[in-house]
Each structure stands twice: as structure tokens, then as C-alpha cells.
């Protein structure tokens, strides 16, 4: 048994254990923390499957920002008091029935998952091998980038990415409809405040690097946007009122930047006689970088707004100037 096989077994067992523990606990905060640990282990699993782009997205969004959002959602909830183990006879019967139903549903879900896995394995065995990878490799030279994942997301299936950004814009509008943002966190102590002072610049630099390197290596707008949003979340957790998120019309521009830049490039190409989002090979690299930069700003703004839980209020000095 090789070391890699042992690692794979440990990853699978860790994922199953963390998922089961996160679903089984009655404490919402404990469940969120277990979910974050599950996301980190899942990021390692994606890396083991040689999918670094997905691993980066899972670590930044699935474990990091999603965990922060869930912790913020449950921070105002009171802890549930532990119930006494002694229950009346009629409550014990109901509890036993509930446990029986839970185990029945669990076993049925496991059976369904096994059936779907078997069907998927059969479909993979009968399908032609690596046809999609061969098609991407054959057209990578005209995509404008050398990273096949970026080529697929921003060139070959750019329509899908445009719709994903439109969904994010819709989510941002829904967050605005919730009203003012929830109150911020109290000021952090010296340890966390000192951590934020060096961690935030590192996150901003990392976001810029991920955006730039996405053309030829794992990275891109989604990973860069999540990392940039993480810098704002750290500042918010440290009790800072200003986290770099703009207000007023500037925030509106950042929210619609991704969709607007996609549409501007696509319509501009139509005017020039090209298909919508059909980049000329000589311009493809520059246009993709332009779109990814705008998409990064839109993704970061939407994720920060989601963490705020509403429309951000300007600082008192800014409010006085704009009134």
C-alpha cells in the first residue's frame, strides 16, 4: 500500500466523518465550524485530483467566505440549552420514531448515491475518452490564454460565465433589498489587530497575482475576487468600519462591472462584424484580462455585501459631505 493510497483513504474518511458530524450536531455554531473544516479537507481532495483551480475556489469560497457568512448568520442566535436525558414515556416513543425515520432516510440516500455512482461509472466507461480535453487542447492556441480552465470559462463557454455573473448581480440586488447592513463587530484585540495589519496586504497582493496568473496557471477572476473579499472580511472582523468597499455610485459600478464589461466587449465585437464574445485571436488575451478584472471587482463586492447582510452605510464624514 503506497503513501498516496493511504492519503486518499484518509481524505475520504475525513470527508465522510466531517460531513456526518456537521449534519448530526444540534449546535449551529459547531456545525458551521465542522463545515469549514470539511471545505478545507475537500480543497485538499481537489488538489489530489489534480484540479488546482477548483481547489483554490473551494478553499477561498467553500471553506473561507461561506464559513464566515454562516458564522455571521448564527452569531446573534442564543446557544441551545442541553435537554435532560430523562424524558416522559410518550416523548421517548416519538424520539425513537424520529431516529428510525432518520436512519431510514439516511440508508435510502446512501443507496441512491451508490446507484448514481454506479450509473456514472458505467456512463464514463461507455463514453468516448477525453473528447472534451482534446477539443480544448486543439483550440487552446486561439483562445488567448494557455490555461485550459480560463480558456473554457472566458472563451469557449463565455455565455455560461456571463450568466453566472448575472446571478451574482441579482444576489447583490437582493442583498440591497434587505436594508441597512447589520452592525459591525467590536474592535479586535492586539493579537488579531496585528494579524490583520499584515494579512490584509498579503491577501490583496495574492488577489492581484491570482488575477494575472490565471491566463497560464491556476487562478482567475473567481479565485481573485474571493481572496479580495476575504481581505475586507478580515477588516470587518477586526472591527474596522471602513473595509475598502466603496459606497454610493462607485459601489453600484463595482456591482455591475462584470456583466457590463462582458456585454460591452460582446456588443463591441458585434459592431466589428464578429460573433458575440467571439474574440479575435490577436485580441483574445487582452479582452479576457479586461473582463476578468471587472469580474473580480464584481465578485468581491457581492461577497462583501453578503457578509455585511445589507446595504452598507457610509462613514459619518462621508455622509456629511454627500448630504
C-alpha atoms as a PDB file:
ATOM      1  CA  UNK A   1       0.000   0.000   0.000  1.00  0.00           C
ATOM      2  CA  UNK A   2       1.602   3.243  -1.149  1.00  0.00           C
ATOM      3  CA  UNK A   3       1.661   6.516   0.781  1.00  0.00           C
ATOM      4  CA  UNK A   4      -0.638   8.181  -1.768  1.00  0.00           C
ATOM      5  CA  UNK A   5      -3.227   5.430  -1.370  1.00  0.00           C
ATOM      6  CA  UNK A   6      -3.118   5.886   2.403  1.00  0.00           C
ATOM      7  CA  UNK A   7      -3.571   9.643   1.917  1.00  0.00           C
ATOM      8  CA  UNK A   8      -6.555   9.064  -0.377  1.00  0.00           C
ATOM      9  CA  UNK A   9      -8.199   6.745   2.156  1.00  0.00           C
ATOM     10  CA  UNK A  10      -7.641   9.265   4.955  1.00  0.00           C
ATOM     11  CA  UNK A  11      -9.126  12.062   2.840  1.00  0.00           C
ATOM     12  CA  UNK A  12     -12.239  10.025   2.067  1.00  0.00           C
ATOM     13  CA  UNK A  13     -12.703   9.006   5.696  1.00  0.00           C
ATOM     14  CA  UNK A  14     -12.151  12.594   6.865  1.00  0.00           C
ATOM     15  CA  UNK A  15     -14.710  13.949   4.407  1.00  0.00           C
ATOM     16  CA  UNK A  16     -17.323  11.395   5.416  1.00  0.00           C
ATOM     17  CA  UNK A  17     -16.673  11.926   9.125  1.00  0.00           C
ATOM     18  CA  UNK A  18     -16.792  15.728   8.945  1.00  0.00           C
ATOM     19  CA  UNK A  19     -19.928  15.717   6.783  1.00  0.00           C
ATOM     20  CA  UNK A  20     -21.675  13.325   9.163  1.00  0.00           C
ATOM     21  CA  UNK A  21     -20.641  15.333  12.228  1.00  0.00           C
ATOM     22  CA  UNK A  22     -21.732  18.637  10.668  1.00  0.00           C
ATOM     23  CA  UNK A  23     -25.186  17.253   9.879  1.00  0.00           C
ATOM     24  CA  UNK A  24     -25.638  15.353  13.133  1.00  0.00           C
ATOM     25  CA  UNK A  25     -24.868  18.093  15.653  1.00  0.00           C
ATOM     26  CA  UNK A  26     -27.642  20.247  17.117  1.00  0.00           C
ATOM     27  CA  UNK A  27     -25.329  23.224  17.730  1.00  0.00           C
ATOM     28  CA  UNK A  28     -25.417  25.624  14.765  1.00  0.00           C
ATOM     29  CA  UNK A  29     -22.009  27.128  15.523  1.00  0.00           C
ATOM     30  CA  UNK A  30     -20.369  23.725  15.834  1.00  0.00           C
ATOM     31  CA  UNK A  31     -21.994  22.676  12.570  1.00  0.00           C
ATOM     32  CA  UNK A  32     -20.571  25.731  10.777  1.00  0.00           C
ATOM     33  CA  UNK A  33     -17.072  25.084  12.111  1.00  0.00           C
ATOM     34  CA  UNK A  34     -17.267  21.451  11.004  1.00  0.00           C
ATOM     35  CA  UNK A  35     -18.494  22.642   7.597  1.00  0.00           C
ATOM     36  CA  UNK A  36     -15.447  24.913   7.289  1.00  0.00           C
ATOM     37  CA  UNK A  37     -13.151  22.016   8.187  1.00  0.00           C
ATOM     38  CA  UNK A  38     -14.962  19.895   5.598  1.00  0.00           C
ATOM     39  CA  UNK A  39     -14.302  22.593   2.972  1.00  0.00           C
ATOM     40  CA  UNK A  40     -10.588  22.672   3.754  1.00  0.00           C
ATOM     41  CA  UNK A  41     -10.260  18.892   3.508  1.00  0.00           C
ATOM     42  CA  UNK A  42     -12.307  18.961   0.297  1.00  0.00           C
ATOM     43  CA  UNK A  43      -9.868  21.520  -1.126  1.00  0.00           C
ATOM     44  CA  UNK A  44      -7.050  19.044  -0.393  1.00  0.00           C
ATOM     45  CA  UNK A  45      -9.053  16.340  -2.152  1.00  0.00           C
ATOM     46  CA  UNK A  46      -9.478  18.508  -5.238  1.00  0.00           C
ATOM     47  CA  UNK A  47      -5.748  19.171  -5.218  1.00  0.00           C
ATOM     48  CA  UNK A  48      -5.142  15.419  -5.007  1.00  0.00           C
ATOM     49  CA  UNK A  49      -7.410  15.032  -8.073  1.00  0.00           C
ATOM     50  CA  UNK A  50      -5.137  17.460  -9.965  1.00  0.00           C
ATOM     51  CA  UNK A  51      -7.793  20.194 -10.099  1.00  0.00           C
ATOM     52  CA  UNK A  52      -5.927  23.165  -8.563  1.00  0.00           C
ATOM     53  CA  UNK A  53      -8.409  25.758  -9.866  1.00  0.00           C
ATOM     54  CA  UNK A  54     -11.302  24.016  -8.127  1.00  0.00           C
ATOM     55  CA  UNK A  55      -9.163  23.533  -5.010  1.00  0.00           C
ATOM     56  CA  UNK A  56      -8.417  27.259  -4.837  1.00  0.00           C
ATOM     57  CA  UNK A  57     -12.099  28.138  -5.294  1.00  0.00           C
ATOM     58  CA  UNK A  58     -13.146  25.619  -2.633  1.00  0.00           C
ATOM     59  CA  UNK A  59     -10.614  26.884  -0.101  1.00  0.00           C
ATOM     60  CA  UNK A  60     -11.428  30.554  -0.705  1.00  0.00           C
ATOM     61  CA  UNK A  61     -15.210  30.385  -1.167  1.00  0.00           C
ATOM     62  CA  UNK A  62     -16.396  26.997   0.067  1.00  0.00           C
ATOM     63  CA  UNK A  63     -14.429  26.963   3.329  1.00  0.00           C
ATOM     64  CA  UNK A  64     -13.398  30.575   3.913  1.00  0.00           C
ATOM     65  CA  UNK A  65     -16.078  33.022   2.854  1.00  0.00           C
ATOM     66  CA  UNK A  66     -19.014  30.633   3.104  1.00  0.00           C
ATOM     67  CA  UNK A  67     -17.935  29.756   6.634  1.00  0.00           C
ATOM     68  CA  UNK A  68     -17.639  33.435   7.532  1.00  0.00           C
ATOM     69  CA  UNK A  69     -21.116  34.103   6.135  1.00  0.00           C
ATOM     70  CA  UNK A  70     -22.628  31.237   8.099  1.00  0.00           C
ATOM     71  CA  UNK A  71     -20.866  32.273  11.316  1.00  0.00           C
ATOM     72  CA  UNK A  72     -22.188  35.801  10.868  1.00  0.00           C
ATOM     73  CA  UNK A  73     -25.688  34.434  10.313  1.00  0.00           C
ATOM     74  CA  UNK A  74     -25.645  32.466  13.585  1.00  0.00           C
ATOM     75  CA  UNK A  75     -23.678  34.897  15.751  1.00  0.00           C
ATOM     76  CA  UNK A  76     -26.837  36.526  17.138  1.00  0.00           C
ATOM     77  CA  UNK A  77     -28.533  33.221  17.908  1.00  0.00           C
ATOM     78  CA  UNK A  78     -28.591  32.081  21.503  1.00  0.00           C
ATOM     79  CA  UNK A  79     -26.977  28.759  22.366  1.00  0.00           C
ATOM     80  CA  UNK A  80     -29.478  25.961  22.740  1.00  0.00           C
ATOM     81  CA  UNK A  81     -29.748  24.646  26.267  1.00  0.00           C
ATOM     82  CA  UNK A  82     -28.906  20.985  26.679  1.00  0.00           C
ATOM     83  CA  UNK A  83     -32.039  18.972  27.200  1.00  0.00           C
ATOM     84  CA  UNK A  84     -32.352  16.498  30.014  1.00  0.00           C
ATOM     85  CA  UNK A  85     -31.837  12.882  29.046  1.00  0.00           C
ATOM     86  CA  UNK A  86     -34.873  11.900  31.092  1.00  0.00           C
ATOM     87  CA  UNK A  87     -37.996  12.193  29.001  1.00  0.00           C
ATOM     88  CA  UNK A  88     -41.590  11.146  29.517  1.00  0.00           C
ATOM     89  CA  UNK A  89     -42.624   7.838  28.004  1.00  0.00           C
ATOM     90  CA  UNK A  90     -44.652   9.398  25.176  1.00  0.00           C
ATOM     91  CA  UNK A  91     -41.713  11.663  24.215  1.00  0.00           C
ATOM     92  CA  UNK A  92     -39.371   8.689  24.185  1.00  0.00           C
ATOM     93  CA  UNK A  93     -41.649   6.954  21.697  1.00  0.00           C
ATOM     94  CA  UNK A  94     -41.653   9.965  19.415  1.00  0.00           C
ATOM     95  CA  UNK A  95     -37.883  10.277  19.709  1.00  0.00           C
ATOM     96  CA  UNK A  96     -37.416   6.602  18.795  1.00  0.00           C
ATOM     97  CA  UNK A  97     -39.712   7.017  15.794  1.00  0.00           C
ATOM     98  CA  UNK A  98     -37.766  10.071  14.671  1.00  0.00           C
ATOM     99  CA  UNK A  99     -34.446   8.228  14.979  1.00  0.00           C
ATOM    100  CA  UNK A 100     -35.872   5.324  12.975  1.00  0.00           C
ATOM    101  CA  UNK A 101     -37.052   7.654  10.235  1.00  0.00           C
ATOM    102  CA  UNK A 102     -33.697   9.449  10.166  1.00  0.00           C
ATOM    103  CA  UNK A 103     -31.795   6.193   9.770  1.00  0.00           C
ATOM    104  CA  UNK A 104     -34.217   5.009   7.098  1.00  0.00           C
ATOM    105  CA  UNK A 105     -33.796   8.200   5.079  1.00  0.00           C
ATOM    106  CA  UNK A 106     -30.023   8.044   5.556  1.00  0.00           C
ATOM    107  CA  UNK A 107     -29.801   4.471   4.289  1.00  0.00           C
ATOM    108  CA  UNK A 108     -32.024   5.303   1.312  1.00  0.00           C
ATOM    109  CA  UNK A 109     -29.800   8.271   0.450  1.00  0.00           C
ATOM    110  CA  UNK A 110     -26.711   6.068   0.667  1.00  0.00           C
ATOM    111  CA  UNK A 111     -28.334   3.502  -1.611  1.00  0.00           C
ATOM    112  CA  UNK A 112     -29.343   6.214  -4.084  1.00  0.00           C
ATOM    113  CA  UNK A 113     -25.840   7.694  -4.030  1.00  0.00           C
ATOM    114  CA  UNK A 114     -24.352   4.254  -4.703  1.00  0.00           C
ATOM    115  CA  UNK A 115     -26.748   3.687  -7.598  1.00  0.00           C
ATOM    116  CA  UNK A 116     -25.915   7.077  -9.123  1.00  0.00           C
ATOM    117  CA  UNK A 117     -22.176   6.435  -8.709  1.00  0.00           C
ATOM    118  CA  UNK A 118     -22.528   3.066 -10.467  1.00  0.00           C
ATOM    119  CA  UNK A 119     -24.531   4.665 -13.299  1.00  0.00           C
ATOM    120  CA  UNK A 120     -21.951   7.439 -13.665  1.00  0.00           C
ATOM    121  CA  UNK A 121     -19.108   4.926 -13.770  1.00  0.00           C
ATOM    122  CA  UNK A 122     -20.931   2.938 -16.461  1.00  0.00           C
ATOM    123  CA  UNK A 123     -21.513   6.113 -18.488  1.00  0.00           C
ATOM    124  CA  UNK A 124     -17.827   7.042 -18.261  1.00  0.00           C
ATOM    125  CA  UNK A 125     -16.799   3.570 -19.410  1.00  0.00           C
ATOM    126  CA  UNK A 126     -19.048   3.721 -22.476  1.00  0.00           C
ATOM    127  CA  UNK A 127     -18.376   7.350 -23.430  1.00  0.00           C
ATOM    128  CA  UNK A 128     -15.518   8.335 -25.757  1.00  0.00           C
ATOM    129  CA  UNK A 129     -12.341   9.050 -23.846  1.00  0.00           C
ATOM    130  CA  UNK A 130     -11.048  12.629 -23.338  1.00  0.00           C
ATOM    131  CA  UNK A 131     -13.024  14.161 -26.214  1.00  0.00           C
ATOM    132  CA  UNK A 132     -13.573  17.438 -24.351  1.00  0.00           C
ATOM    133  CA  UNK A 133      -9.942  17.684 -23.286  1.00  0.00           C
ATOM    134  CA  UNK A 134      -8.832  17.010 -26.862  1.00  0.00           C
ATOM    135  CA  UNK A 135     -11.168  19.711 -28.207  1.00  0.00           C
ATOM    136  CA  UNK A 136      -9.868  22.256 -25.680  1.00  0.00           C
ATOM    137  CA  UNK A 137      -6.240  21.362 -26.429  1.00  0.00           C
ATOM    138  CA  UNK A 138      -6.830  21.648 -30.180  1.00  0.00           C
ATOM    139  CA  UNK A 139      -8.226  25.181 -29.860  1.00  0.00           C
ATOM    140  CA  UNK A 140      -6.110  26.458 -26.956  1.00  0.00           C
ATOM    141  CA  UNK A 141      -3.762  28.378 -29.255  1.00  0.00           C
ATOM    142  CA  UNK A 142      -6.574  30.687 -30.458  1.00  0.00           C
ATOM    143  CA  UNK A 143      -8.132  31.194 -27.027  1.00  0.00           C
ATOM    144  CA  UNK A 144      -5.736  33.957 -25.967  1.00  0.00           C
ATOM    145  CA  UNK A 145      -4.597  32.108 -22.823  1.00  0.00           C
ATOM    146  CA  UNK A 146      -2.609  28.974 -22.092  1.00  0.00           C
ATOM    147  CA  UNK A 147      -4.593  27.847 -19.044  1.00  0.00           C
ATOM    148  CA  UNK A 148      -7.310  25.470 -20.326  1.00  0.00           C
ATOM    149  CA  UNK A 149      -9.659  26.266 -17.423  1.00  0.00           C
ATOM    150  CA  UNK A 150      -9.551  30.006 -18.157  1.00  0.00           C
ATOM    151  CA  UNK A 151      -9.958  29.268 -21.865  1.00  0.00           C
ATOM    152  CA  UNK A 152     -13.137  27.309 -21.179  1.00  0.00           C
ATOM    153  CA  UNK A 153     -14.617  29.787 -18.704  1.00  0.00           C
ATOM    154  CA  UNK A 154     -13.833  33.022 -20.543  1.00  0.00           C
ATOM    155  CA  UNK A 155     -13.745  31.959 -24.189  1.00  0.00           C
ATOM    156  CA  UNK A 156     -15.256  28.620 -25.153  1.00  0.00           C
ATOM    157  CA  UNK A 157     -18.231  28.882 -22.744  1.00  0.00           C
ATOM    158  CA  UNK A 158     -18.207  32.601 -22.047  1.00  0.00           C
ATOM    159  CA  UNK A 159     -22.020  32.662 -22.191  1.00  0.00           C
ATOM    160  CA  UNK A 160     -22.172  30.494 -19.061  1.00  0.00           C
ATOM    161  CA  UNK A 161     -19.766  32.759 -17.168  1.00  0.00           C
ATOM    162  CA  UNK A 162     -21.782  35.819 -18.230  1.00  0.00           C
ATOM    163  CA  UNK A 163     -24.918  34.223 -16.784  1.00  0.00           C
ATOM    164  CA  UNK A 164     -23.066  33.335 -13.572  1.00  0.00           C
ATOM    165  CA  UNK A 165     -22.088  36.987 -13.132  1.00  0.00           C
ATOM    166  CA  UNK A 166     -25.692  37.967 -13.822  1.00  0.00           C
ATOM    167  CA  UNK A 167     -26.767  35.638 -10.992  1.00  0.00           C
ATOM    168  CA  UNK A 168     -24.251  37.341  -8.677  1.00  0.00           C
ATOM    169  CA  UNK A 169     -25.628  40.741  -9.670  1.00  0.00           C
ATOM    170  CA  UNK A 170     -29.147  39.524  -8.871  1.00  0.00           C
ATOM    171  CA  UNK A 171     -27.900  38.330  -5.473  1.00  0.00           C
ATOM    172  CA  UNK A 172     -26.348  41.746  -4.816  1.00  0.00           C
ATOM    173  CA  UNK A 173     -29.629  43.460  -5.635  1.00  0.00           C
ATOM    174  CA  UNK A 174     -31.401  41.093  -3.242  1.00  0.00           C
ATOM    175  CA  UNK A 175     -28.893  41.989  -0.501  1.00  0.00           C
ATOM    176  CA  UNK A 176     -29.589  45.687  -1.097  1.00  0.00           C
ATOM    177  CA  UNK A 177     -33.297  44.988  -0.659  1.00  0.00           C
ATOM    178  CA  UNK A 178     -32.642  43.714   2.876  1.00  0.00           C
ATOM    179  CA  UNK A 179     -31.984  47.264   4.066  1.00  0.00           C
ATOM    180  CA  UNK A 180     -29.030  48.617   6.052  1.00  0.00           C
ATOM    181  CA  UNK A 181     -26.171  46.289   6.908  1.00  0.00           C
ATOM    182  CA  UNK A 182     -26.065  44.592  10.300  1.00  0.00           C
ATOM    183  CA  UNK A 183     -23.855  46.200  12.960  1.00  0.00           C
ATOM    184  CA  UNK A 184     -20.159  45.511  12.659  1.00  0.00           C
ATOM    185  CA  UNK A 185     -18.023  43.511  15.048  1.00  0.00           C
ATOM    186  CA  UNK A 186     -16.391  45.062  18.079  1.00  0.00           C
ATOM    187  CA  UNK A 187     -12.790  46.212  17.885  1.00  0.00           C
ATOM    188  CA  UNK A 188     -10.315  43.338  17.853  1.00  0.00           C
ATOM    189  CA  UNK A 189      -7.655  42.779  20.464  1.00  0.00           C
ATOM    190  CA  UNK A 190      -3.966  43.462  19.829  1.00  0.00           C
ATOM    191  CA  UNK A 191      -3.235  39.948  18.534  1.00  0.00           C
ATOM    192  CA  UNK A 192      -5.935  39.818  15.852  1.00  0.00           C
ATOM    193  CA  UNK A 193      -5.441  43.501  15.014  1.00  0.00           C
ATOM    194  CA  UNK A 194      -1.746  42.883  14.407  1.00  0.00           C
ATOM    195  CA  UNK A 195      -2.610  39.819  12.312  1.00  0.00           C
ATOM    196  CA  UNK A 196      -4.995  41.879  10.170  1.00  0.00           C
ATOM    197  CA  UNK A 197      -2.329  44.527   9.545  1.00  0.00           C
ATOM    198  CA  UNK A 198      -0.063  42.127   7.660  1.00  0.00           C
ATOM    199  CA  UNK A 199      -2.668  39.628   6.457  1.00  0.00           C
ATOM    200  CA  UNK A 200      -4.830  42.142   4.549  1.00  0.00           C
ATOM    201  CA  UNK A 201      -1.994  43.484   2.304  1.00  0.00           C
ATOM    202  CA  UNK A 202      -0.911  39.890   1.650  1.00  0.00           C
ATOM    203  CA  UNK A 203      -4.454  38.958   0.598  1.00  0.00           C
ATOM    204  CA  UNK A 204      -4.688  41.964  -1.735  1.00  0.00           C
ATOM    205  CA  UNK A 205      -1.371  41.093  -3.365  1.00  0.00           C
ATOM    206  CA  UNK A 206      -2.443  37.456  -3.666  1.00  0.00           C
ATOM    207  CA  UNK A 207      -5.676  38.525  -5.364  1.00  0.00           C
ATOM    208  CA  UNK A 208      -3.737  40.557  -7.918  1.00  0.00           C
ATOM    209  CA  UNK A 209      -1.391  37.640  -8.521  1.00  0.00           C
ATOM    210  CA  UNK A 210      -4.246  35.163  -8.983  1.00  0.00           C
ATOM    211  CA  UNK A 211      -5.904  37.503 -11.473  1.00  0.00           C
ATOM    212  CA  UNK A 212      -2.730  37.930 -13.517  1.00  0.00           C
ATOM    213  CA  UNK A 213      -1.537  34.325 -13.382  1.00  0.00           C
ATOM    214  CA  UNK A 214      -4.950  32.921 -14.352  1.00  0.00           C
ATOM    215  CA  UNK A 215      -4.083  33.239 -18.040  1.00  0.00           C
ATOM    216  CA  UNK A 216      -1.467  30.492 -17.855  1.00  0.00           C
ATOM    217  CA  UNK A 217      -1.768  28.826 -14.414  1.00  0.00           C
ATOM    218  CA  UNK A 218      -4.418  28.042 -11.776  1.00  0.00           C
ATOM    219  CA  UNK A 219      -6.188  31.252 -10.759  1.00  0.00           C
ATOM    220  CA  UNK A 220      -8.543  33.738 -12.362  1.00  0.00           C
ATOM    221  CA  UNK A 221     -11.333  36.160 -11.552  1.00  0.00           C
ATOM    222  CA  UNK A 222     -13.357  33.985  -9.193  1.00  0.00           C
ATOM    223  CA  UNK A 223     -10.408  32.992  -7.011  1.00  0.00           C
ATOM    224  CA  UNK A 224      -9.022  36.554  -7.078  1.00  0.00           C
ATOM    225  CA  UNK A 225     -12.415  38.066  -6.230  1.00  0.00           C
ATOM    226  CA  UNK A 226     -12.892  35.685  -3.299  1.00  0.00           C
ATOM    227  CA  UNK A 227      -9.415  36.471  -1.969  1.00  0.00           C
ATOM    228  CA  UNK A 228     -10.012  40.218  -2.302  1.00  0.00           C
ATOM    229  CA  UNK A 229     -13.321  39.845  -0.464  1.00  0.00           C
ATOM    230  CA  UNK A 230     -11.523  37.865   2.254  1.00  0.00           C
ATOM    231  CA  UNK A 231      -9.341  40.924   2.931  1.00  0.00           C
ATOM    232  CA  UNK A 232     -12.466  43.021   3.545  1.00  0.00           C
ATOM    233  CA  UNK A 233     -13.954  40.291   5.753  1.00  0.00           C
ATOM    234  CA  UNK A 234     -10.796  40.244   7.908  1.00  0.00           C
ATOM    235  CA  UNK A 235     -11.021  44.014   8.346  1.00  0.00           C
ATOM    236  CA  UNK A 236     -14.701  43.739   9.255  1.00  0.00           C
ATOM    237  CA  UNK A 237     -13.976  41.012  11.806  1.00  0.00           C
ATOM    238  CA  UNK A 238     -11.265  43.243  13.270  1.00  0.00           C
ATOM    239  CA  UNK A 239     -13.895  45.895  13.972  1.00  0.00           C
ATOM    240  CA  UNK A 240     -12.935  48.302  11.174  1.00  0.00           C
ATOM    241  CA  UNK A 241     -15.810  50.353   9.799  1.00  0.00           C
ATOM    242  CA  UNK A 242     -14.027  51.068   6.518  1.00  0.00           C
ATOM    243  CA  UNK A 243     -13.060  47.836   4.761  1.00  0.00           C
ATOM    244  CA  UNK A 244     -12.325  49.254   1.323  1.00  0.00           C
ATOM    245  CA  UNK A 245     -15.848  48.679  -0.005  1.00  0.00           C
ATOM    246  CA  UNK A 246     -16.985  51.790  -1.887  1.00  0.00           C
ATOM    247  CA  UNK A 247     -20.335  53.445  -1.312  1.00  0.00           C
ATOM    248  CA  UNK A 248     -22.861  55.251  -3.463  1.00  0.00           C
ATOM    249  CA  UNK A 249     -22.476  55.212  -7.232  1.00  0.00           C
ATOM    250  CA  UNK A 250     -18.978  53.725  -7.039  1.00  0.00           C
ATOM    251  CA  UNK A 251     -20.384  50.629  -5.326  1.00  0.00           C
ATOM    252  CA  UNK A 252     -23.095  50.339  -7.992  1.00  0.00           C
ATOM    253  CA  UNK A 253     -20.424  50.466 -10.694  1.00  0.00           C
ATOM    254  CA  UNK A 254     -18.427  47.707  -8.970  1.00  0.00           C
ATOM    255  CA  UNK A 255     -21.549  45.540  -8.662  1.00  0.00           C
ATOM    256  CA  UNK A 256     -22.392  45.709 -12.369  1.00  0.00           C
ATOM    257  CA  UNK A 257     -18.776  45.764 -13.592  1.00  0.00           C
ATOM    258  CA  UNK A 258     -18.602  42.090 -14.536  1.00  0.00           C
ATOM    259  CA  UNK A 259     -21.832  41.919 -16.506  1.00  0.00           C
ATOM    260  CA  UNK A 260     -21.289  45.377 -18.059  1.00  0.00           C
ATOM    261  CA  UNK A 261     -17.791  44.592 -19.282  1.00  0.00           C
ATOM    262  CA  UNK A 262     -18.941  41.262 -20.732  1.00  0.00           C
ATOM    263  CA  UNK A 263     -21.785  42.973 -22.598  1.00  0.00           C
ATOM    264  CA  UNK A 264     -19.586  45.881 -23.720  1.00  0.00           C
ATOM    265  CA  UNK A 265     -16.994  43.538 -25.195  1.00  0.00           C
ATOM    266  CA  UNK A 266     -19.618  41.317 -26.815  1.00  0.00           C
ATOM    267  CA  UNK A 267     -21.551  44.203 -28.360  1.00  0.00           C
ATOM    268  CA  UNK A 268     -18.323  45.855 -29.481  1.00  0.00           C
ATOM    269  CA  UNK A 269     -17.344  42.678 -31.316  1.00  0.00           C
ATOM    270  CA  UNK A 270     -20.772  42.581 -32.974  1.00  0.00           C
ATOM    271  CA  UNK A 271     -20.223  46.105 -34.266  1.00  0.00           C
ATOM    272  CA  UNK A 272     -16.885  44.988 -35.703  1.00  0.00           C
ATOM    273  CA  UNK A 273     -18.576  42.118 -37.527  1.00  0.00           C
ATOM    274  CA  UNK A 274     -17.509  39.370 -35.126  1.00  0.00           C
ATOM    275  CA  UNK A 275     -19.817  36.935 -33.273  1.00  0.00           C
ATOM    276  CA  UNK A 276     -20.955  37.963 -29.816  1.00  0.00           C
ATOM    277  CA  UNK A 277     -17.996  37.194 -27.494  1.00  0.00           C
ATOM    278  CA  UNK A 278     -16.135  35.730 -30.469  1.00  0.00           C
ATOM    279  CA  UNK A 279     -12.728  37.226 -29.682  1.00  0.00           C
ATOM    280  CA  UNK A 280     -10.206  37.761 -32.468  1.00  0.00           C
ATOM    281  CA  UNK A 281      -7.192  35.563 -31.647  1.00  0.00           C
ATOM    282  CA  UNK A 282      -4.865  38.592 -31.577  1.00  0.00           C
ATOM    283  CA  UNK A 283      -7.046  40.425 -29.032  1.00  0.00           C
ATOM    284  CA  UNK A 284      -8.326  37.473 -27.023  1.00  0.00           C
ATOM    285  CA  UNK A 285      -5.741  37.628 -24.236  1.00  0.00           C
ATOM    286  CA  UNK A 286      -6.224  41.347 -23.563  1.00  0.00           C
ATOM    287  CA  UNK A 287     -10.011  41.155 -23.718  1.00  0.00           C
ATOM    288  CA  UNK A 288     -10.115  38.195 -21.330  1.00  0.00           C
ATOM    289  CA  UNK A 289      -7.885  40.047 -18.841  1.00  0.00           C
ATOM    290  CA  UNK A 290     -10.134  43.121 -19.106  1.00  0.00           C
ATOM    291  CA  UNK A 291     -13.257  41.043 -18.464  1.00  0.00           C
ATOM    292  CA  UNK A 292     -11.633  39.141 -15.595  1.00  0.00           C
ATOM    293  CA  UNK A 293     -10.554  42.379 -13.902  1.00  0.00           C
ATOM    294  CA  UNK A 294     -14.109  43.709 -13.952  1.00  0.00           C
ATOM    295  CA  UNK A 295     -15.468  40.320 -12.876  1.00  0.00           C
ATOM    296  CA  UNK A 296     -13.062  40.225  -9.927  1.00  0.00           C
ATOM    297  CA  UNK A 297     -14.377  43.575  -8.663  1.00  0.00           C
ATOM    298  CA  UNK A 298     -17.997  42.454  -9.060  1.00  0.00           C
ATOM    299  CA  UNK A 299     -17.390  39.131  -7.292  1.00  0.00           C
ATOM    300  CA  UNK A 300     -15.529  40.788  -4.414  1.00  0.00           C
ATOM    301  CA  UNK A 301     -18.216  43.460  -3.975  1.00  0.00           C
ATOM    302  CA  UNK A 302     -21.030  40.888  -3.961  1.00  0.00           C
ATOM    303  CA  UNK A 303     -19.316  38.616  -1.432  1.00  0.00           C
ATOM    304  CA  UNK A 304     -18.554  41.527   0.904  1.00  0.00           C
ATOM    305  CA  UNK A 305     -22.157  42.721   0.644  1.00  0.00           C
ATOM    306  CA  UNK A 306     -23.329  39.220   1.527  1.00  0.00           C
ATOM    307  CA  UNK A 307     -21.109  39.277   4.616  1.00  0.00           C
ATOM    308  CA  UNK A 308     -22.475  42.701   5.574  1.00  0.00           C
ATOM    309  CA  UNK A 309     -26.015  41.362   5.235  1.00  0.00           C
ATOM    310  CA  UNK A 310     -27.429  44.543   3.737  1.00  0.00           C
ATOM    311  CA  UNK A 311     -26.710  47.895   2.167  1.00  0.00           C
ATOM    312  CA  UNK A 312     -23.526  49.417   3.652  1.00  0.00           C
ATOM    313  CA  UNK A 313     -23.854  52.784   5.334  1.00  0.00           C
ATOM    314  CA  UNK A 314     -21.201  55.417   4.610  1.00  0.00           C
ATOM    315  CA  UNK A 315     -18.886  56.662   7.303  1.00  0.00           C
ATOM    316  CA  UNK A 316     -20.112  59.737   9.204  1.00  0.00           C
ATOM    317  CA  UNK A 317     -17.660  62.033   7.470  1.00  0.00           C
ATOM    318  CA  UNK A 318     -18.693  60.777   4.051  1.00  0.00           C
ATOM    319  CA  UNK A 319     -22.378  61.128   4.908  1.00  0.00           C
ATOM    320  CA  UNK A 320     -21.888  64.746   5.898  1.00  0.00           C
ATOM    321  CA  UNK A 321     -20.113  65.548   2.649  1.00  0.00           C
ATOM    322  CA  UNK A 322     -22.752  63.929   0.465  1.00  0.00           C
ATOM    323  CA  UNK A 323     -25.724  65.439   2.311  1.00  0.00           C
END
